[in-house]
């Protein structure tokens, strides 16, 4: 029946997450792609600081209060906001729930070998 299912979003629509930062500002982050990492690496080319790429990646994936930001903006943000954004970006970047997995076979084998050695 027409109209009973919600319209599907195109496969190219980015996944977004909105979070409130400790400063009270609103950040909208999109799920990252490889091209975002490449752009972040280019933005800090020649900078030996390992956190520079993370800051540039935050800028690539984030909007703050509806405005796009650049690497230098992240450097000037409150530390609490930067840490929250860093956790969002460097975490699994919007992880899906982990599938349930069976207990590892090693635990069964170790109990069997313990029984065998006791005999």
PDB file of N, CA and C in Angstrom:
ATOM      1  N   UNK A   1       0.840  -1.182   0.000  1.00  0.00           N
ATOM      2  CA  UNK A   1       0.000   0.000   0.000  1.00  0.00           C
ATOM      3  C   UNK A   1       0.880   1.238   0.000  1.00  0.00           C
ATOM      4  N   UNK A   2       0.557   2.170  -0.818  1.00  0.00           N
ATOM      5  CA  UNK A   2       1.343   3.398  -0.902  1.00  0.00           C
ATOM      6  C   UNK A   2       1.131   4.235   0.344  1.00  0.00           C
ATOM      7  N   UNK A   3       2.212   4.799   0.838  1.00  0.00           N
ATOM      8  CA  UNK A   3       2.130   5.693   1.981  1.00  0.00           C
ATOM      9  C   UNK A   3       2.225   5.017   3.335  1.00  0.00           C
ATOM     10  N   UNK A   4       2.299   3.695   3.380  1.00  0.00           N
ATOM     11  CA  UNK A   4       2.379   3.032   4.682  1.00  0.00           C
ATOM     12  C   UNK A   4       3.806   2.903   5.179  1.00  0.00           C
ATOM     13  N   UNK A   5       4.768   2.912   4.297  1.00  0.00           N
ATOM     14  CA  UNK A   5       6.169   2.810   4.687  1.00  0.00           C
ATOM     15  C   UNK A   5       6.821   4.177   4.606  1.00  0.00           C
ATOM     16  N   UNK A   6       7.701   4.507   5.562  1.00  0.00           N
ATOM     17  CA  UNK A   6       8.400   5.790   5.457  1.00  0.00           C
ATOM     18  C   UNK A   6       9.305   5.781   4.243  1.00  0.00           C
ATOM     19  N   UNK A   7       9.493   6.942   3.611  1.00  0.00           N
ATOM     20  CA  UNK A   7      10.361   6.979   2.428  1.00  0.00           C
ATOM     21  C   UNK A   7      11.784   6.602   2.794  1.00  0.00           C
ATOM     22  N   UNK A   8      12.411   5.848   1.930  1.00  0.00           N
ATOM     23  CA  UNK A   8      13.793   5.440   2.178  1.00  0.00           C
ATOM     24  C   UNK A   8      14.726   6.567   1.804  1.00  0.00           C
ATOM     25  N   UNK A   9      15.788   6.730   2.614  1.00  0.00           N
ATOM     26  CA  UNK A   9      16.795   7.726   2.290  1.00  0.00           C
ATOM     27  C   UNK A   9      17.744   7.130   1.268  1.00  0.00           C
ATOM     28  N   UNK A  10      18.282   7.966   0.393  1.00  0.00           N
ATOM     29  CA  UNK A  10      19.247   7.443  -0.569  1.00  0.00           C
ATOM     30  C   UNK A  10      20.463   6.864   0.139  1.00  0.00           C
ATOM     31  N   UNK A  11      21.096   5.898  -0.481  1.00  0.00           N
ATOM     32  CA  UNK A  11      22.260   5.233   0.118  1.00  0.00           C
ATOM     33  C   UNK A  11      23.400   6.218   0.362  1.00  0.00           C
ATOM     34  N   UNK A  12      23.398   7.328  -0.357  1.00  0.00           N
ATOM     35  CA  UNK A  12      24.486   8.283  -0.204  1.00  0.00           C
ATOM     36  C   UNK A  12      24.245   9.277   0.938  1.00  0.00           C
ATOM     37  N   UNK A  13      23.063   9.268   1.558  1.00  0.00           N
ATOM     38  CA  UNK A  13      22.786  10.205   2.653  1.00  0.00           C
ATOM     39  C   UNK A  13      23.688   9.872   3.839  1.00  0.00           C
ATOM     40  N   UNK A  14      24.429  10.865   4.342  1.00  0.00           N
ATOM     41  CA  UNK A  14      25.333  10.589   5.456  1.00  0.00           C
ATOM     42  C   UNK A  14      24.561  10.365   6.743  1.00  0.00           C
ATOM     43  N   UNK A  15      25.100   9.537   7.604  1.00  0.00           N
ATOM     44  CA  UNK A  15      24.502   9.327   8.908  1.00  0.00           C
ATOM     45  C   UNK A  15      25.000  10.435   9.818  1.00  0.00           C
ATOM     46  N   UNK A  16      24.076  11.044  10.549  1.00  0.00           N
ATOM     47  CA  UNK A  16      24.418  12.168  11.398  1.00  0.00           C
ATOM     48  C   UNK A  16      24.128  11.850  12.851  1.00  0.00           C
ATOM     49  N   UNK A  17      24.889  12.481  13.728  1.00  0.00           N
ATOM     50  CA  UNK A  17      24.656  12.380  15.160  1.00  0.00           C
ATOM     51  C   UNK A  17      24.774  13.780  15.732  1.00  0.00           C
ATOM     52  N   UNK A  18      23.816  14.154  16.556  1.00  0.00           N
ATOM     53  CA  UNK A  18      23.828  15.454  17.208  1.00  0.00           C
ATOM     54  C   UNK A  18      24.146  15.255  18.686  1.00  0.00           C
ATOM     55  N   UNK A  19      25.101  16.042  19.188  1.00  0.00           N
ATOM     56  CA  UNK A  19      25.452  15.956  20.603  1.00  0.00           C
ATOM     57  C   UNK A  19      25.580  17.362  21.172  1.00  0.00           C
ATOM     58  N   UNK A  20      25.282  17.478  22.456  1.00  0.00           N
ATOM     59  CA  UNK A  20      25.482  18.741  23.150  1.00  0.00           C
ATOM     60  C   UNK A  20      26.836  18.674  23.839  1.00  0.00           C
ATOM     61  N   UNK A  21      27.663  19.641  23.542  1.00  0.00           N
ATOM     62  CA  UNK A  21      29.017  19.691  24.106  1.00  0.00           C
ATOM     63  C   UNK A  21      28.977  20.286  25.515  1.00  0.00           C
ATOM     64  N   UNK A  22      30.017  20.058  26.320  1.00  0.00           N
ATOM     65  CA  UNK A  22      30.054  20.616  27.679  1.00  0.00           C
ATOM     66  C   UNK A  22      29.858  22.135  27.718  1.00  0.00           C
ATOM     67  N   UNK A  23      30.250  22.837  26.664  1.00  0.00           N
ATOM     68  CA  UNK A  23      30.090  24.295  26.623  1.00  0.00           C
ATOM     69  C   UNK A  23      28.651  24.708  26.348  1.00  0.00           C
ATOM     70  N   UNK A  24      27.793  23.739  26.003  1.00  0.00           N
ATOM     71  CA  UNK A  24      26.409  24.040  25.661  1.00  0.00           C
ATOM     72  C   UNK A  24      26.175  24.148  24.165  1.00  0.00           C
ATOM     73  N   UNK A  25      27.245  24.179  23.384  1.00  0.00           N
ATOM     74  CA  UNK A  25      27.108  24.241  21.935  1.00  0.00           C
ATOM     75  C   UNK A  25      26.619  22.896  21.410  1.00  0.00           C
ATOM     76  N   UNK A  26      26.006  22.928  20.243  1.00  0.00           N
ATOM     77  CA  UNK A  26      25.522  21.705  19.615  1.00  0.00           C
ATOM     78  C   UNK A  26      26.449  21.324  18.466  1.00  0.00           C
ATOM     79  N   UNK A  27      26.891  20.090  18.494  1.00  0.00           N
ATOM     80  CA  UNK A  27      27.744  19.575  17.422  1.00  0.00           C
ATOM     81  C   UNK A  27      26.950  18.549  16.631  1.00  0.00           C
ATOM     82  N   UNK A  28      27.079  18.631  15.327  1.00  0.00           N
ATOM     83  CA  UNK A  28      26.504  17.624  14.443  1.00  0.00           C
ATOM     84  C   UNK A  28      27.680  16.955  13.758  1.00  0.00           C
ATOM     85  N   UNK A  29      27.773  15.653  13.940  1.00  0.00           N
ATOM     86  CA  UNK A  29      28.868  14.890  13.336  1.00  0.00           C
ATOM     87  C   UNK A  29      28.291  13.930  12.322  1.00  0.00           C
ATOM     88  N   UNK A  30      28.999  13.773  11.235  1.00  0.00           N
ATOM     89  CA  UNK A  30      28.587  12.785  10.248  1.00  0.00           C
ATOM     90  C   UNK A  30      29.564  11.623  10.280  1.00  0.00           C
ATOM     91  N   UNK A  31      29.074  10.498   9.836  1.00  0.00           N
ATOM     92  CA  UNK A  31      29.916   9.313   9.787  1.00  0.00           C
ATOM     93  C   UNK A  31      31.025   9.524   8.767  1.00  0.00           C
ATOM     94  N   UNK A  32      32.249   9.190   9.155  1.00  0.00           N
ATOM     95  CA  UNK A  32      33.409   9.439   8.306  1.00  0.00           C
ATOM     96  C   UNK A  32      33.605   8.416   7.207  1.00  0.00           C
ATOM     97  N   UNK A  33      34.317   8.849   6.207  1.00  0.00           N
ATOM     98  CA  UNK A  33      34.720   8.011   5.070  1.00  0.00           C
ATOM     99  C   UNK A  33      36.225   8.123   4.910  1.00  0.00           C
ATOM    100  N   UNK A  34      36.790   7.270   4.131  1.00  0.00           N
ATOM    101  CA  UNK A  34      38.227   7.314   3.867  1.00  0.00           C
ATOM    102  C   UNK A  34      38.672   8.643   3.286  1.00  0.00           C
ATOM    103  N   UNK A  35      37.843   9.210   2.441  1.00  0.00           N
ATOM    104  CA  UNK A  35      38.201  10.507   1.833  1.00  0.00           C
ATOM    105  C   UNK A  35      38.332  11.601   2.885  1.00  0.00           C
ATOM    106  N   UNK A  36      37.566  11.491   3.979  1.00  0.00           N
ATOM    107  CA  UNK A  36      37.667  12.480   5.059  1.00  0.00           C
ATOM    108  C   UNK A  36      39.033  12.392   5.736  1.00  0.00           C
ATOM    109  N   UNK A  37      39.503  11.185   5.937  1.00  0.00           N
ATOM    110  CA  UNK A  37      40.825  10.994   6.532  1.00  0.00           C
ATOM    111  C   UNK A  37      41.907  11.541   5.600  1.00  0.00           C
ATOM    112  N   UNK A  38      41.760  11.299   4.311  1.00  0.00           N
ATOM    113  CA  UNK A  38      42.738  11.824   3.348  1.00  0.00           C
ATOM    114  C   UNK A  38      42.768  13.350   3.385  1.00  0.00           C
ATOM    115  N   UNK A  39      41.585  13.987   3.436  1.00  0.00           N
ATOM    116  CA  UNK A  39      41.532  15.450   3.494  1.00  0.00           C
ATOM    117  C   UNK A  39      42.161  15.968   4.780  1.00  0.00           C
ATOM    118  N   UNK A  40      41.910  15.269   5.881  1.00  0.00           N
ATOM    119  CA  UNK A  40      42.495  15.677   7.169  1.00  0.00           C
ATOM    120  C   UNK A  40      44.012  15.570   7.126  1.00  0.00           C
ATOM    121  N   UNK A  41      44.532  14.503   6.532  1.00  0.00           N
ATOM    122  CA  UNK A  41      45.976  14.341   6.433  1.00  0.00           C
ATOM    123  C   UNK A  41      46.594  15.427   5.558  1.00  0.00           C
ATOM    124  N   UNK A  42      45.905  15.792   4.479  1.00  0.00           N
ATOM    125  CA  UNK A  42      46.401  16.872   3.622  1.00  0.00           C
ATOM    126  C   UNK A  42      46.391  18.210   4.351  1.00  0.00           C
ATOM    127  N   UNK A  43      45.360  18.431   5.170  1.00  0.00           N
ATOM    128  CA  UNK A  43      45.217  19.713   5.875  1.00  0.00           C
ATOM    129  C   UNK A  43      46.368  19.966   6.834  1.00  0.00           C
ATOM    130  N   UNK A  44      46.979  18.898   7.350  1.00  0.00           N
ATOM    131  CA  UNK A  44      48.059  19.058   8.333  1.00  0.00           C
ATOM    132  C   UNK A  44      49.394  18.562   7.794  1.00  0.00           C
ATOM    133  N   UNK A  45      49.507  18.456   6.495  1.00  0.00           N
ATOM    134  CA  UNK A  45      50.742  17.963   5.882  1.00  0.00           C
ATOM    135  C   UNK A  45      51.949  18.700   6.442  1.00  0.00           C
ATOM    136  N   UNK A  46      52.935  17.945   6.878  1.00  0.00           N
ATOM    137  CA  UNK A  46      54.156  18.529   7.416  1.00  0.00           C
ATOM    138  C   UNK A  46      54.114  18.780   8.914  1.00  0.00           C
ATOM    139  N   UNK A  47      52.947  18.655   9.532  1.00  0.00           N
ATOM    140  CA  UNK A  47      52.843  18.858  10.980  1.00  0.00           C
ATOM    141  C   UNK A  47      53.189  17.540  11.664  1.00  0.00           C
ATOM    142  N   UNK A  48      54.254  17.499  12.469  1.00  0.00           N
ATOM    143  CA  UNK A  48      54.672  16.243  13.096  1.00  0.00           C
ATOM    144  C   UNK A  48      53.815  15.839  14.307  1.00  0.00           C
ATOM    145  N   UNK A  49      52.937  16.710  14.765  1.00  0.00           N
ATOM    146  CA  UNK A  49      52.104  16.414  15.935  1.00  0.00           C
ATOM    147  C   UNK A  49      51.041  15.377  15.562  1.00  0.00           C
ATOM    148  N   UNK A  50      51.030  14.212  16.225  1.00  0.00           N
ATOM    149  CA  UNK A  50      50.073  13.167  15.862  1.00  0.00           C
ATOM    150  C   UNK A  50      48.616  13.554  16.106  1.00  0.00           C
ATOM    151  N   UNK A  51      48.360  14.475  17.011  1.00  0.00           N
ATOM    152  CA  UNK A  51      46.975  14.877  17.250  1.00  0.00           C
ATOM    153  C   UNK A  51      46.450  15.818  16.174  1.00  0.00           C
ATOM    154  N   UNK A  52      47.336  16.357  15.361  1.00  0.00           N
ATOM    155  CA  UNK A  52      46.908  17.288  14.317  1.00  0.00           C
ATOM    156  C   UNK A  52      45.925  16.630  13.358  1.00  0.00           C
ATOM    157  N   UNK A  53      46.173  15.388  12.976  1.00  0.00           N
ATOM    158  CA  UNK A  53      45.262  14.696  12.064  1.00  0.00           C
ATOM    159  C   UNK A  53      43.908  14.503  12.725  1.00  0.00           C
ATOM    160  N   UNK A  54      43.896  14.181  14.005  1.00  0.00           N
ATOM    161  CA  UNK A  54      42.628  13.995  14.716  1.00  0.00           C
ATOM    162  C   UNK A  54      41.854  15.309  14.741  1.00  0.00           C
ATOM    163  N   UNK A  55      42.519  16.425  15.024  1.00  0.00           N
ATOM    164  CA  UNK A  55      41.854  17.724  15.038  1.00  0.00           C
ATOM    165  C   UNK A  55      41.296  18.058  13.653  1.00  0.00           C
ATOM    166  N   UNK A  56      42.074  17.777  12.615  1.00  0.00           N
ATOM    167  CA  UNK A  56      41.611  18.043  11.254  1.00  0.00           C
ATOM    168  C   UNK A  56      40.435  17.137  10.889  1.00  0.00           C
ATOM    169  N   UNK A  57      40.454  15.904  11.375  1.00  0.00           N
ATOM    170  CA  UNK A  57      39.351  14.989  11.109  1.00  0.00           C
ATOM    171  C   UNK A  57      38.091  15.443  11.845  1.00  0.00           C
ATOM    172  N   UNK A  58      38.243  15.942  13.063  1.00  0.00           N
ATOM    173  CA  UNK A  58      37.105  16.518  13.781  1.00  0.00           C
ATOM    174  C   UNK A  58      36.494  17.638  12.937  1.00  0.00           C
ATOM    175  N   UNK A  59      37.326  18.505  12.400  1.00  0.00           N
ATOM    176  CA  UNK A  59      36.837  19.611  11.577  1.00  0.00           C
ATOM    177  C   UNK A  59      36.134  19.107  10.318  1.00  0.00           C
ATOM    178  N   UNK A  60      36.648  18.043   9.713  1.00  0.00           N
ATOM    179  CA  UNK A  60      36.033  17.487   8.504  1.00  0.00           C
ATOM    180  C   UNK A  60      34.636  16.939   8.771  1.00  0.00           C
ATOM    181  N   UNK A  61      34.450  16.351   9.947  1.00  0.00           N
ATOM    182  CA  UNK A  61      33.211  15.615  10.227  1.00  0.00           C
ATOM    183  C   UNK A  61      32.197  16.385  11.052  1.00  0.00           C
ATOM    184  N   UNK A  62      32.545  17.573  11.522  1.00  0.00           N
ATOM    185  CA  UNK A  62      31.696  18.273  12.489  1.00  0.00           C
ATOM    186  C   UNK A  62      31.195  19.616  11.998  1.00  0.00           C
ATOM    187  N   UNK A  63      30.048  19.977  12.520  1.00  0.00           N
ATOM    188  CA  UNK A  63      29.529  21.338  12.450  1.00  0.00           C
ATOM    189  C   UNK A  63      29.215  21.738  13.884  1.00  0.00           C
ATOM    190  N   UNK A  64      29.515  22.976  14.239  1.00  0.00           N
ATOM    191  CA  UNK A  64      29.234  23.472  15.578  1.00  0.00           C
ATOM    192  C   UNK A  64      28.203  24.585  15.453  1.00  0.00           C
ATOM    193  N   UNK A  65      27.088  24.407  16.141  1.00  0.00           N
ATOM    194  CA  UNK A  65      25.972  25.362  16.056  1.00  0.00           C
ATOM    195  C   UNK A  65      25.612  25.685  14.608  1.00  0.00           C
ATOM    196  N   UNK A  66      25.651  24.664  13.761  1.00  0.00           N
ATOM    197  CA  UNK A  66      25.253  24.811  12.362  1.00  0.00           C
ATOM    198  C   UNK A  66      26.312  25.339  11.423  1.00  0.00           C
ATOM    199  N   UNK A  67      27.483  25.675  11.950  1.00  0.00           N
ATOM    200  CA  UNK A  67      28.547  26.236  11.107  1.00  0.00           C
ATOM    201  C   UNK A  67      29.670  25.217  10.903  1.00  0.00           C
ATOM    202  N   UNK A  68      30.204  25.181   9.689  1.00  0.00           N
ATOM    203  CA  UNK A  68      31.362  24.323   9.450  1.00  0.00           C
ATOM    204  C   UNK A  68      32.565  24.920  10.180  1.00  0.00           C
ATOM    205  N   UNK A  69      33.518  24.072  10.519  1.00  0.00           N
ATOM    206  CA  UNK A  69      34.710  24.516  11.235  1.00  0.00           C
ATOM    207  C   UNK A  69      35.948  24.026  10.507  1.00  0.00           C
ATOM    208  N   UNK A  70      37.084  24.623  10.850  1.00  0.00           N
ATOM    209  CA  UNK A  70      38.364  24.213  10.288  1.00  0.00           C
ATOM    210  C   UNK A  70      39.284  23.790  11.433  1.00  0.00           C
ATOM    211  N   UNK A  71      40.394  23.204  11.060  1.00  0.00           N
ATOM    212  CA  UNK A  71      41.379  22.687  12.006  1.00  0.00           C
ATOM    213  C   UNK A  71      41.729  23.704  13.091  1.00  0.00           C
ATOM    214  N   UNK A  72      41.967  24.929  12.697  1.00  0.00           N
ATOM    215  CA  UNK A  72      42.362  25.965  13.655  1.00  0.00           C
ATOM    216  C   UNK A  72      41.246  26.259  14.658  1.00  0.00           C
ATOM    217  N   UNK A  73      39.983  26.110  14.236  1.00  0.00           N
ATOM    218  CA  UNK A  73      38.860  26.303  15.159  1.00  0.00           C
ATOM    219  C   UNK A  73      38.894  25.260  16.273  1.00  0.00           C
ATOM    220  N   UNK A  74      39.212  24.043  15.912  1.00  0.00           N
ATOM    221  CA  UNK A  74      39.277  22.965  16.914  1.00  0.00           C
ATOM    222  C   UNK A  74      40.379  23.274  17.921  1.00  0.00           C
ATOM    223  N   UNK A  75      41.495  23.782  17.459  1.00  0.00           N
ATOM    224  CA  UNK A  75      42.607  24.131  18.347  1.00  0.00           C
ATOM    225  C   UNK A  75      42.219  25.185  19.376  1.00  0.00           C
ATOM    226  N   UNK A  76      41.270  26.051  19.042  1.00  0.00           N
ATOM    227  CA  UNK A  76      40.854  27.134  19.934  1.00  0.00           C
ATOM    228  C   UNK A  76      39.634  26.797  20.782  1.00  0.00           C
ATOM    229  N   UNK A  77      39.059  25.604  20.615  1.00  0.00           N
ATOM    230  CA  UNK A  77      37.863  25.219  21.376  1.00  0.00           C
ATOM    231  C   UNK A  77      38.216  24.885  22.817  1.00  0.00           C
ATOM    232  N   UNK A  78      37.199  24.943  23.682  1.00  0.00           N
ATOM    233  CA  UNK A  78      37.374  24.512  25.071  1.00  0.00           C
ATOM    234  C   UNK A  78      37.807  23.048  25.083  1.00  0.00           C
ATOM    235  N   UNK A  79      38.682  22.712  26.012  1.00  0.00           N
ATOM    236  CA  UNK A  79      39.219  21.350  26.078  1.00  0.00           C
ATOM    237  C   UNK A  79      38.114  20.308  26.243  1.00  0.00           C
ATOM    238  N   UNK A  80      37.131  20.583  27.084  1.00  0.00           N
ATOM    239  CA  UNK A  80      36.036  19.629  27.278  1.00  0.00           C
ATOM    240  C   UNK A  80      35.321  19.304  25.981  1.00  0.00           C
ATOM    241  N   UNK A  81      35.079  20.335  25.166  1.00  0.00           N
ATOM    242  CA  UNK A  81      34.427  20.120  23.876  1.00  0.00           C
ATOM    243  C   UNK A  81      35.309  19.290  22.951  1.00  0.00           C
ATOM    244  N   UNK A  82      36.601  19.604  22.935  1.00  0.00           N
ATOM    245  CA  UNK A  82      37.535  18.876  22.063  1.00  0.00           C
ATOM    246  C   UNK A  82      37.590  17.402  22.470  1.00  0.00           C
ATOM    247  N   UNK A  83      37.632  17.136  23.756  1.00  0.00           N
ATOM    248  CA  UNK A  83      37.714  15.744  24.215  1.00  0.00           C
ATOM    249  C   UNK A  83      36.463  14.950  23.842  1.00  0.00           C
ATOM    250  N   UNK A  84      35.298  15.581  23.949  1.00  0.00           N
ATOM    251  CA  UNK A  84      34.059  14.901  23.563  1.00  0.00           C
ATOM    252  C   UNK A  84      34.061  14.625  22.062  1.00  0.00           C
ATOM    253  N   UNK A  85      34.435  15.623  21.270  1.00  0.00           N
ATOM    254  CA  UNK A  85      34.480  15.433  19.818  1.00  0.00           C
ATOM    255  C   UNK A  85      35.518  14.388  19.421  1.00  0.00           C
ATOM    256  N   UNK A  86      36.658  14.418  20.104  1.00  0.00           N
ATOM    257  CA  UNK A  86      37.704  13.432  19.808  1.00  0.00           C
ATOM    258  C   UNK A  86      37.199  12.021  20.078  1.00  0.00           C
ATOM    259  N   UNK A  87      36.506  11.836  21.188  1.00  0.00           N
ATOM    260  CA  UNK A  87      35.970  10.509  21.513  1.00  0.00           C
ATOM    261  C   UNK A  87      34.962  10.057  20.457  1.00  0.00           C
ATOM    262  N   UNK A  88      34.138  10.976  19.986  1.00  0.00           N
ATOM    263  CA  UNK A  88      33.158  10.632  18.951  1.00  0.00           C
ATOM    264  C   UNK A  88      33.828  10.248  17.644  1.00  0.00           C
ATOM    265  N   UNK A  89      34.832  11.027  17.245  1.00  0.00           N
ATOM    266  CA  UNK A  89      35.466  10.819  15.946  1.00  0.00           C
ATOM    267  C   UNK A  89      36.418   9.626  15.955  1.00  0.00           C
ATOM    268  N   UNK A  90      37.203   9.483  17.024  1.00  0.00           N
ATOM    269  CA  UNK A  90      38.189   8.402  17.045  1.00  0.00           C
ATOM    270  C   UNK A  90      37.642   7.107  17.610  1.00  0.00           C
ATOM    271  N   UNK A  91      36.446   7.165  18.195  1.00  0.00           N
ATOM    272  CA  UNK A  91      35.796   5.932  18.620  1.00  0.00           C
ATOM    273  C   UNK A  91      35.454   5.145  17.376  1.00  0.00           C
ATOM    274  N   UNK A  92      34.486   4.302  17.457  1.00  0.00           N
ATOM    275  CA  UNK A  92      34.112   3.501  16.292  1.00  0.00           C
ATOM    276  C   UNK A  92      33.329   4.338  15.283  1.00  0.00           C
ATOM    277  N   UNK A  93      33.154   5.629  15.529  1.00  0.00           N
ATOM    278  CA  UNK A  93      32.448   6.548  14.640  1.00  0.00           C
ATOM    279  C   UNK A  93      31.069   6.011  14.322  1.00  0.00           C
ATOM    280  N   UNK A  94      30.240   6.006  15.335  1.00  0.00           N
ATOM    281  CA  UNK A  94      28.856   5.546  15.285  1.00  0.00           C
ATOM    282  C   UNK A  94      28.784   4.025  15.160  1.00  0.00           C
ATOM    283  N   UNK A  95      29.268   3.322  16.163  1.00  0.00           N
ATOM    284  CA  UNK A  95      29.282   1.861  16.078  1.00  0.00           C
ATOM    285  C   UNK A  95      27.883   1.274  16.041  1.00  0.00           C
ATOM    286  N   UNK A  96      27.772   0.170  15.344  1.00  0.00           N
ATOM    287  CA  UNK A  96      26.533  -0.599  15.338  1.00  0.00           C
ATOM    288  C   UNK A  96      26.583  -1.526  16.536  1.00  0.00           C
ATOM    289  N   UNK A  97      25.433  -1.977  17.034  1.00  0.00           N
ATOM    290  CA  UNK A  97      25.474  -2.934  18.140  1.00  0.00           C
ATOM    291  C   UNK A  97      26.235  -4.190  17.726  1.00  0.00           C
ATOM    292  N   UNK A  98      27.062  -4.678  18.621  1.00  0.00           N
ATOM    293  CA  UNK A  98      27.847  -5.884  18.324  1.00  0.00           C
ATOM    294  C   UNK A  98      26.926  -7.095  18.293  1.00  0.00           C
ATOM    295  N   UNK A  99      27.106  -7.986  17.320  1.00  0.00           N
ATOM    296  CA  UNK A  99      26.276  -9.189  17.280  1.00  0.00           C
ATOM    297  C   UNK A  99      26.632 -10.101  18.449  1.00  0.00           C
ATOM    298  N   UNK A 100      25.634 -10.832  18.921  1.00  0.00           N
ATOM    299  CA  UNK A 100      25.875 -11.783  20.004  1.00  0.00           C
ATOM    300  C   UNK A 100      26.789 -12.885  19.483  1.00  0.00           C
ATOM    301  N   UNK A 101      27.757 -13.275  20.298  1.00  0.00           N
ATOM    302  CA  UNK A 101      28.676 -14.324  19.866  1.00  0.00           C
ATOM    303  C   UNK A 101      28.683 -15.435  20.901  1.00  0.00           C
ATOM    304  N   UNK A 102      28.904 -16.660  20.446  1.00  0.00           N
ATOM    305  CA  UNK A 102      28.945 -17.772  21.400  1.00  0.00           C
ATOM    306  C   UNK A 102      30.179 -17.683  22.286  1.00  0.00           C
ATOM    307  N   UNK A 103      30.145 -18.406  23.397  1.00  0.00           N
ATOM    308  CA  UNK A 103      31.289 -18.436  24.307  1.00  0.00           C
ATOM    309  C   UNK A 103      32.492 -19.009  23.581  1.00  0.00           C
ATOM    310  N   UNK A 104      33.683 -18.514  23.860  1.00  0.00           N
ATOM    311  CA  UNK A 104      34.876 -19.015  23.176  1.00  0.00           C
ATOM    312  C   UNK A 104      35.094 -20.504  23.464  1.00  0.00           C
ATOM    313  N   UNK A 105      35.531 -21.213  22.437  1.00  0.00           N
ATOM    314  CA  UNK A 105      35.773 -22.647  22.571  1.00  0.00           C
ATOM    315  C   UNK A 105      36.917 -22.930  23.535  1.00  0.00           C
ATOM    316  N   UNK A 106      37.861 -21.988  23.699  1.00  0.00           N
ATOM    317  CA  UNK A 106      39.014 -22.199  24.557  1.00  0.00           C
ATOM    318  C   UNK A 106      38.594 -22.466  25.999  1.00  0.00           C
ATOM    319  N   UNK A 107      37.513 -21.839  26.443  1.00  0.00           N
ATOM    320  CA  UNK A 107      37.090 -22.060  27.827  1.00  0.00           C
ATOM    321  C   UNK A 107      36.604 -23.489  28.027  1.00  0.00           C
ATOM    322  N   UNK A 108      35.972 -24.070  27.014  1.00  0.00           N
ATOM    323  CA  UNK A 108      35.516 -25.446  27.096  1.00  0.00           C
ATOM    324  C   UNK A 108      36.722 -26.398  27.072  1.00  0.00           C
ATOM    325  N   UNK A 109      37.702 -26.113  26.205  1.00  0.00           N
ATOM    326  CA  UNK A 109      38.875 -26.955  26.085  1.00  0.00           C
ATOM    327  C   UNK A 109      39.703 -26.912  27.384  1.00  0.00           C
ATOM    328  N   UNK A 110      39.814 -25.743  27.983  1.00  0.00           N
ATOM    329  CA  UNK A 110      40.632 -25.638  29.176  1.00  0.00           C
ATOM    330  C   UNK A 110      40.013 -26.419  30.333  1.00  0.00           C
ATOM    331  N   UNK A 111      38.678 -26.446  30.424  1.00  0.00           N
ATOM    332  CA  UNK A 111      38.065 -27.210  31.492  1.00  0.00           C
ATOM    333  C   UNK A 111      38.209 -28.703  31.235  1.00  0.00           C
ATOM    334  N   UNK A 112      38.163 -29.105  29.958  1.00  0.00           N
ATOM    335  CA  UNK A 112      38.342 -30.511  29.609  1.00  0.00           C
ATOM    336  C   UNK A 112      39.773 -30.954  29.915  1.00  0.00           C
ATOM    337  N   UNK A 113      40.747 -30.090  29.603  1.00  0.00           N
ATOM    338  CA  UNK A 113      42.126 -30.490  29.853  1.00  0.00           C
ATOM    339  C   UNK A 113      42.411 -30.499  31.352  1.00  0.00           C
ATOM    340  N   UNK A 114      41.742 -29.622  32.104  1.00  0.00           N
ATOM    341  CA  UNK A 114      41.920 -29.626  33.558  1.00  0.00           C
ATOM    342  C   UNK A 114      41.365 -30.916  34.145  1.00  0.00           C
ATOM    343  N   UNK A 115      40.238 -31.396  33.592  1.00  0.00           N
ATOM    344  CA  UNK A 115      39.654 -32.649  34.075  1.00  0.00           C
ATOM    345  C   UNK A 115      40.570 -33.804  33.732  1.00  0.00           C
ATOM    346  N   UNK A 116      41.142 -33.782  32.536  1.00  0.00           N
ATOM    347  CA  UNK A 116      41.995 -34.875  32.084  1.00  0.00           C
ATOM    348  C   UNK A 116      43.263 -34.910  32.929  1.00  0.00           C
ATOM    349  N   UNK A 117      43.809 -33.741  33.300  1.00  0.00           N
ATOM    350  CA  UNK A 117      45.034 -33.746  34.080  1.00  0.00           C
ATOM    351  C   UNK A 117      44.762 -34.162  35.526  1.00  0.00           C
ATOM    352  N   UNK A 118      43.526 -33.989  35.980  1.00  0.00           N
ATOM    353  CA  UNK A 118      43.182 -34.393  37.344  1.00  0.00           C
ATOM    354  C   UNK A 118      43.061 -35.905  37.451  1.00  0.00           C
ATOM    355  N   UNK A 119      42.838 -36.602  36.334  1.00  0.00           N
ATOM    356  CA  UNK A 119      42.674 -38.065  36.358  1.00  0.00           C
ATOM    357  C   UNK A 119      43.961 -38.771  36.400  1.00  0.00           C
TER     358      UNK A 119
END
